[in-house]
Amino acid sequence: MSSGKTGRPRGAVTFDRPVADAAASRCPACQSTNRAPYDKSPQIVEGSGTDPQGRPYSAVELRPTHCLDCGQRRIDRTWQYLPGESG
């Protein structure tokens, strides 16, 4: 067992970290963001194109789930971007 103190070392600097906002997926039927855990491993569809906001993407991630409020099944779709291409 360690007899030393735990925690952050004295004099350690706190760094500001960038924050990335991500919108929660919504149920297309009731607009709830309350969803069940994803059913299985995500399916990655390789390919390029533009997302609904017009930004170029390199792949699309598809994750099946369902709404916990109304039971509607859905597939959450997330676009993946290469560095420097997110606009």
N, C-alpha and C. Protein backbone atom coordinates (compact mmCIF):
# COMPACT_ATOMS: atom_id res chain seq x y z
N MET A 1 0.83 -1.19 0.00
CA MET A 1 0.00 0.00 0.00
C MET A 1 0.86 1.24 0.00
N SER A 2 0.38 2.25 -0.65
CA SER A 2 1.11 3.50 -0.73
C SER A 2 0.77 4.37 0.46
N SER A 3 1.79 4.95 1.04
CA SER A 3 1.54 5.84 2.17
C SER A 3 1.55 7.30 1.75
N GLY A 4 1.82 7.56 0.44
CA GLY A 4 1.84 8.93 -0.07
C GLY A 4 0.45 9.49 -0.23
N LYS A 5 0.40 10.79 -0.36
CA LYS A 5 -0.89 11.46 -0.56
C LYS A 5 -1.39 11.19 -1.98
N THR A 6 -2.69 11.14 -2.13
CA THR A 6 -3.29 10.97 -3.44
C THR A 6 -3.77 12.33 -3.92
N GLY A 7 -4.05 12.42 -5.20
CA GLY A 7 -4.57 13.66 -5.75
C GLY A 7 -3.55 14.34 -6.63
N ARG A 8 -3.84 15.56 -6.94
CA ARG A 8 -3.01 16.34 -7.84
C ARG A 8 -1.74 16.83 -7.15
N PRO A 9 -0.63 16.79 -7.85
CA PRO A 9 0.62 17.27 -7.24
C PRO A 9 0.56 18.78 -6.94
N ARG A 10 1.21 19.19 -5.92
CA ARG A 10 1.25 20.60 -5.54
C ARG A 10 1.90 21.39 -6.68
N GLY A 11 1.29 22.49 -7.05
CA GLY A 11 1.82 23.35 -8.11
C GLY A 11 1.41 22.95 -9.51
N ALA A 12 0.61 21.90 -9.66
CA ALA A 12 0.17 21.47 -10.99
C ALA A 12 -0.73 22.55 -11.60
N VAL A 13 -0.57 22.77 -12.88
CA VAL A 13 -1.31 23.82 -13.58
C VAL A 13 -2.62 23.26 -14.14
N THR A 14 -3.68 24.05 -14.04
CA THR A 14 -4.96 23.69 -14.64
C THR A 14 -5.00 24.27 -16.05
N PHE A 15 -5.22 23.43 -17.02
CA PHE A 15 -5.27 23.86 -18.41
C PHE A 15 -6.71 24.01 -18.87
N ASP A 16 -6.98 25.07 -19.64
CA ASP A 16 -8.29 25.21 -20.27
C ASP A 16 -8.37 24.22 -21.42
N ARG A 17 -9.49 23.57 -21.57
CA ARG A 17 -9.68 22.60 -22.63
C ARG A 17 -10.80 23.09 -23.55
N PRO A 18 -10.65 22.85 -24.85
CA PRO A 18 -11.72 23.26 -25.76
C PRO A 18 -12.98 22.41 -25.55
N VAL A 19 -14.13 23.01 -25.78
CA VAL A 19 -15.41 22.32 -25.62
C VAL A 19 -16.05 22.15 -26.99
N ALA A 20 -16.49 20.93 -27.28
CA ALA A 20 -17.18 20.66 -28.54
C ALA A 20 -18.65 20.35 -28.23
N ASP A 21 -19.55 21.11 -28.82
CA ASP A 21 -20.99 20.88 -28.61
C ASP A 21 -21.48 19.80 -29.56
N ALA A 22 -22.31 18.91 -29.04
CA ALA A 22 -22.91 17.86 -29.85
C ALA A 22 -24.39 17.77 -29.49
N ALA A 23 -25.24 17.83 -30.48
CA ALA A 23 -26.68 17.75 -30.24
C ALA A 23 -27.09 16.30 -30.01
N ALA A 24 -27.95 16.07 -29.03
CA ALA A 24 -28.48 14.74 -28.78
C ALA A 24 -29.46 14.38 -29.89
N SER A 25 -29.50 13.10 -30.26
CA SER A 25 -30.45 12.67 -31.28
C SER A 25 -31.86 12.71 -30.71
N ARG A 26 -32.82 12.98 -31.57
CA ARG A 26 -34.22 13.07 -31.15
C ARG A 26 -35.06 12.01 -31.86
N CYS A 27 -36.08 11.55 -31.17
CA CYS A 27 -37.02 10.61 -31.75
C CYS A 27 -37.81 11.32 -32.86
N PRO A 28 -37.91 10.72 -34.05
CA PRO A 28 -38.67 11.37 -35.12
C PRO A 28 -40.17 11.43 -34.84
N ALA A 29 -40.67 10.56 -33.94
CA ALA A 29 -42.11 10.54 -33.65
C ALA A 29 -42.51 11.52 -32.56
N CYS A 30 -41.77 11.53 -31.42
CA CYS A 30 -42.18 12.36 -30.28
C CYS A 30 -41.18 13.44 -29.90
N GLN A 31 -40.05 13.51 -30.60
CA GLN A 31 -39.00 14.52 -30.37
C GLN A 31 -38.26 14.37 -29.04
N SER A 32 -38.42 13.25 -28.35
CA SER A 32 -37.73 13.02 -27.09
C SER A 32 -36.25 12.69 -27.35
N THR A 33 -35.38 13.08 -26.42
CA THR A 33 -33.97 12.70 -26.50
C THR A 33 -33.67 11.51 -25.59
N ASN A 34 -34.69 10.96 -24.95
CA ASN A 34 -34.56 9.82 -24.04
C ASN A 34 -34.53 8.54 -24.86
N ARG A 35 -33.33 7.92 -24.99
CA ARG A 35 -33.21 6.73 -25.84
C ARG A 35 -32.60 5.57 -25.06
N ALA A 36 -32.81 4.37 -25.58
CA ALA A 36 -32.21 3.17 -25.01
C ALA A 36 -30.74 3.10 -25.44
N PRO A 37 -29.93 2.30 -24.76
CA PRO A 37 -28.54 2.12 -25.22
C PRO A 37 -28.53 1.58 -26.64
N TYR A 38 -27.47 1.87 -27.37
CA TYR A 38 -27.37 1.38 -28.74
C TYR A 38 -27.37 -0.14 -28.74
N ASP A 39 -28.07 -0.75 -29.74
CA ASP A 39 -28.32 -2.18 -29.77
C ASP A 39 -27.08 -3.03 -30.02
N LYS A 40 -26.20 -2.60 -30.88
CA LYS A 40 -25.04 -3.41 -31.24
C LYS A 40 -23.91 -2.49 -31.68
N SER A 41 -22.84 -3.09 -32.13
CA SER A 41 -21.72 -2.29 -32.63
C SER A 41 -22.19 -1.44 -33.79
N PRO A 42 -21.66 -0.21 -33.88
CA PRO A 42 -22.10 0.65 -34.97
C PRO A 42 -21.64 0.13 -36.33
N GLN A 43 -22.42 0.43 -37.34
CA GLN A 43 -22.05 0.10 -38.71
C GLN A 43 -21.41 1.36 -39.30
N ILE A 44 -20.21 1.21 -39.84
CA ILE A 44 -19.51 2.33 -40.46
C ILE A 44 -19.62 2.19 -41.97
N VAL A 45 -20.17 3.19 -42.61
CA VAL A 45 -20.30 3.20 -44.06
C VAL A 45 -19.24 4.16 -44.60
N GLU A 46 -18.21 3.61 -45.23
CA GLU A 46 -17.15 4.43 -45.79
C GLU A 46 -17.65 5.10 -47.06
N GLY A 47 -17.19 6.28 -47.30
CA GLY A 47 -17.57 7.01 -48.50
C GLY A 47 -17.57 8.49 -48.20
N SER A 48 -17.56 9.28 -49.22
CA SER A 48 -17.52 10.72 -49.01
C SER A 48 -18.76 11.37 -49.58
N GLY A 49 -19.01 12.56 -49.13
CA GLY A 49 -20.17 13.32 -49.57
C GLY A 49 -20.28 14.57 -48.73
N THR A 50 -21.45 15.15 -48.65
CA THR A 50 -21.67 16.31 -47.81
C THR A 50 -22.82 16.03 -46.85
N ASP A 51 -22.69 16.48 -45.61
CA ASP A 51 -23.74 16.29 -44.61
C ASP A 51 -24.86 17.31 -44.84
N PRO A 52 -25.94 17.27 -44.05
CA PRO A 52 -27.05 18.21 -44.26
C PRO A 52 -26.66 19.69 -44.13
N GLN A 53 -25.55 19.98 -43.43
CA GLN A 53 -25.10 21.37 -43.31
C GLN A 53 -24.12 21.75 -44.43
N GLY A 54 -23.85 20.82 -45.35
CA GLY A 54 -22.98 21.10 -46.48
C GLY A 54 -21.50 20.85 -46.23
N ARG A 55 -21.14 20.24 -45.10
CA ARG A 55 -19.74 19.97 -44.79
C ARG A 55 -19.34 18.61 -45.37
N PRO A 56 -18.14 18.50 -45.94
CA PRO A 56 -17.71 17.22 -46.50
C PRO A 56 -17.39 16.21 -45.39
N TYR A 57 -17.80 14.96 -45.58
CA TYR A 57 -17.53 13.90 -44.61
C TYR A 57 -16.80 12.76 -45.29
N SER A 58 -16.20 11.88 -44.43
CA SER A 58 -15.44 10.74 -44.96
C SER A 58 -16.12 9.41 -44.67
N ALA A 59 -17.05 9.37 -43.72
CA ALA A 59 -17.77 8.14 -43.38
C ALA A 59 -19.03 8.50 -42.59
N VAL A 60 -19.96 7.55 -42.53
CA VAL A 60 -21.19 7.71 -41.75
C VAL A 60 -21.30 6.53 -40.79
N GLU A 61 -21.60 6.84 -39.52
CA GLU A 61 -21.76 5.81 -38.49
C GLU A 61 -23.25 5.63 -38.22
N LEU A 62 -23.74 4.40 -38.31
CA LEU A 62 -25.15 4.08 -38.09
C LEU A 62 -25.29 3.24 -36.83
N ARG A 63 -26.14 3.70 -35.87
CA ARG A 63 -26.31 3.00 -34.59
C ARG A 63 -27.79 2.80 -34.29
N PRO A 64 -28.27 1.54 -34.27
CA PRO A 64 -29.69 1.28 -33.98
C PRO A 64 -30.01 1.46 -32.50
N THR A 65 -31.18 2.05 -32.23
CA THR A 65 -31.66 2.25 -30.86
C THR A 65 -33.17 2.39 -30.91
N HIS A 66 -33.80 2.70 -29.78
CA HIS A 66 -35.23 3.01 -29.77
C HIS A 66 -35.53 4.03 -28.68
N CYS A 67 -36.63 4.73 -28.86
CA CYS A 67 -37.08 5.76 -27.93
C CYS A 67 -37.64 5.11 -26.68
N LEU A 68 -37.23 5.60 -25.51
CA LEU A 68 -37.75 5.05 -24.25
C LEU A 68 -39.12 5.62 -23.91
N ASP A 69 -39.53 6.70 -24.56
CA ASP A 69 -40.83 7.30 -24.27
C ASP A 69 -41.95 6.71 -25.11
N CYS A 70 -41.72 6.54 -26.42
CA CYS A 70 -42.80 6.05 -27.28
C CYS A 70 -42.49 4.68 -27.92
N GLY A 71 -41.26 4.20 -27.81
CA GLY A 71 -40.92 2.89 -28.35
C GLY A 71 -40.51 2.89 -29.82
N GLN A 72 -40.51 4.05 -30.47
CA GLN A 72 -40.17 4.13 -31.89
C GLN A 72 -38.73 3.66 -32.12
N ARG A 73 -38.55 2.71 -33.06
CA ARG A 73 -37.20 2.26 -33.43
C ARG A 73 -36.60 3.28 -34.37
N ARG A 74 -35.29 3.47 -34.27
CA ARG A 74 -34.62 4.40 -35.17
C ARG A 74 -33.15 4.04 -35.30
N ILE A 75 -32.50 4.63 -36.28
CA ILE A 75 -31.06 4.49 -36.48
C ILE A 75 -30.46 5.89 -36.37
N ASP A 76 -29.59 6.08 -35.38
CA ASP A 76 -28.91 7.36 -35.23
C ASP A 76 -27.75 7.40 -36.21
N ARG A 77 -27.66 8.49 -36.93
CA ARG A 77 -26.64 8.64 -37.98
C ARG A 77 -25.68 9.75 -37.56
N THR A 78 -24.39 9.45 -37.59
CA THR A 78 -23.35 10.42 -37.23
C THR A 78 -22.34 10.48 -38.36
N TRP A 79 -22.03 11.70 -38.80
CA TRP A 79 -21.04 11.87 -39.86
C TRP A 79 -19.66 11.99 -39.25
N GLN A 80 -18.67 11.40 -39.92
CA GLN A 80 -17.29 11.48 -39.46
C GLN A 80 -16.51 12.31 -40.46
N TYR A 81 -15.68 13.18 -39.92
CA TYR A 81 -14.95 14.13 -40.75
C TYR A 81 -13.45 13.88 -40.64
N LEU A 82 -12.73 14.12 -41.73
CA LEU A 82 -11.29 14.09 -41.69
C LEU A 82 -10.79 15.40 -41.07
N PRO A 83 -9.62 15.38 -40.44
CA PRO A 83 -9.11 16.62 -39.84
C PRO A 83 -9.01 17.73 -40.89
N GLY A 84 -9.47 18.91 -40.49
CA GLY A 84 -9.39 20.05 -41.38
C GLY A 84 -10.54 20.16 -42.36
N GLU A 85 -11.46 19.21 -42.38
CA GLU A 85 -12.57 19.24 -43.34
C GLU A 85 -13.92 19.55 -42.69
N SER A 86 -13.95 19.87 -41.39
CA SER A 86 -15.24 20.06 -40.73
C SER A 86 -15.83 21.44 -40.96
N GLY A 87 -15.11 22.34 -41.60
CA GLY A 87 -15.64 23.66 -41.93
C GLY A 87 -15.75 24.49 -40.75
